[in-house]
Amino acid sequence: MTDEDKNLLELAVKLRIHISPRLDHVEARFFDGAAWNCFKERYGDNENAATRRAIVRAAEEIGKAMQ
């Protein structure tokens, strides 16, 4: 696990982002108080990269809501 992976995992925990691996994609979900928001990324040839992208997309959306 790289430092980037560790940092993103810590971010996901802090922001309460739920990571759900699926057969061909990963989902990063969070509850905004009214509804669940879900960001899906297809694995392609790199499951770890797809997971990182999903976490970043969810975190960006949380950040937008905080502004």
Protein backbone atom coordinates (compact mmCIF):
# COMPACT_ATOMS: atom_id res chain seq x y z
CA MET A 1 0.00 0.00 0.00
CA THR A 2 1.39 3.38 -1.00
CA ASP A 3 1.31 6.53 1.10
CA GLU A 4 -1.33 7.88 -1.29
CA ASP A 5 -3.48 4.79 -0.67
CA LYS A 6 -3.12 5.21 3.09
CA ASN A 7 -4.01 8.90 2.90
CA LEU A 8 -7.10 8.23 0.81
CA LEU A 9 -8.22 5.46 3.15
CA GLU A 10 -7.84 7.82 6.11
CA LEU A 11 -9.83 10.46 4.21
CA ALA A 12 -12.59 7.95 3.44
CA VAL A 13 -12.82 7.02 7.12
CA LYS A 14 -12.82 10.64 8.27
CA LEU A 15 -15.54 11.60 5.78
CA ARG A 16 -17.48 8.37 6.41
CA ILE A 17 -17.31 7.28 2.81
CA HIS A 18 -18.47 3.69 2.36
CA ILE A 19 -16.43 1.64 -0.11
CA SER A 20 -18.24 -1.26 -1.80
CA PRO A 21 -16.30 -3.51 -4.16
CA ARG A 22 -18.47 -5.08 -6.89
CA LEU A 23 -17.72 -7.55 -9.68
CA ASP A 24 -16.63 -5.02 -12.29
CA HIS A 25 -16.61 -1.71 -10.42
CA VAL A 26 -16.25 -0.09 -7.02
CA GLU A 27 -18.73 2.24 -5.34
CA ALA A 28 -17.91 5.07 -2.94
CA ARG A 29 -21.03 6.22 -1.12
CA PHE A 30 -21.86 8.77 1.53
CA PHE A 31 -25.04 9.98 3.19
CA ASP A 32 -25.58 13.74 3.03
CA GLY A 33 -28.38 13.82 5.60
CA ALA A 34 -31.13 13.46 3.01
CA ALA A 35 -29.95 10.83 0.52
CA TRP A 36 -27.13 8.46 -0.37
CA ASN A 37 -24.73 9.70 -3.03
CA CYS A 38 -22.93 7.02 -5.02
CA PHE A 39 -19.85 7.30 -7.22
CA LYS A 40 -19.00 4.29 -9.37
CA GLU A 41 -15.70 3.57 -11.07
CA ARG A 42 -15.08 0.61 -13.36
CA TYR A 43 -12.03 -1.43 -12.47
CA GLY A 44 -10.52 -1.72 -15.92
CA ASP A 45 -7.03 -3.07 -15.43
CA ASN A 46 -6.40 -1.48 -12.02
CA GLU A 47 -8.79 -2.03 -9.11
CA ASN A 48 -6.73 0.14 -6.75
CA ALA A 49 -6.74 3.12 -9.11
CA ALA A 50 -10.51 2.79 -9.60
CA THR A 51 -11.01 2.74 -5.82
CA ARG A 52 -8.84 5.84 -5.40
CA ARG A 53 -10.82 7.66 -8.11
CA ALA A 54 -14.14 6.77 -6.48
CA ILE A 55 -12.96 8.03 -3.07
CA VAL A 56 -11.66 11.29 -4.58
CA ARG A 57 -14.93 11.89 -6.46
CA ALA A 58 -16.98 11.34 -3.30
CA ALA A 59 -14.67 13.55 -1.24
CA GLU A 60 -14.92 16.32 -3.85
CA GLU A 61 -18.69 16.22 -3.64
CA ILE A 62 -18.59 16.40 0.16
CA GLY A 63 -16.22 19.37 -0.13
CA LYS A 64 -18.59 21.17 -2.50
CA ALA A 65 -21.45 20.70 -0.04
CA MET A 66 -19.36 22.18 2.78
CA GLN A 67 -18.76 25.48 0.95
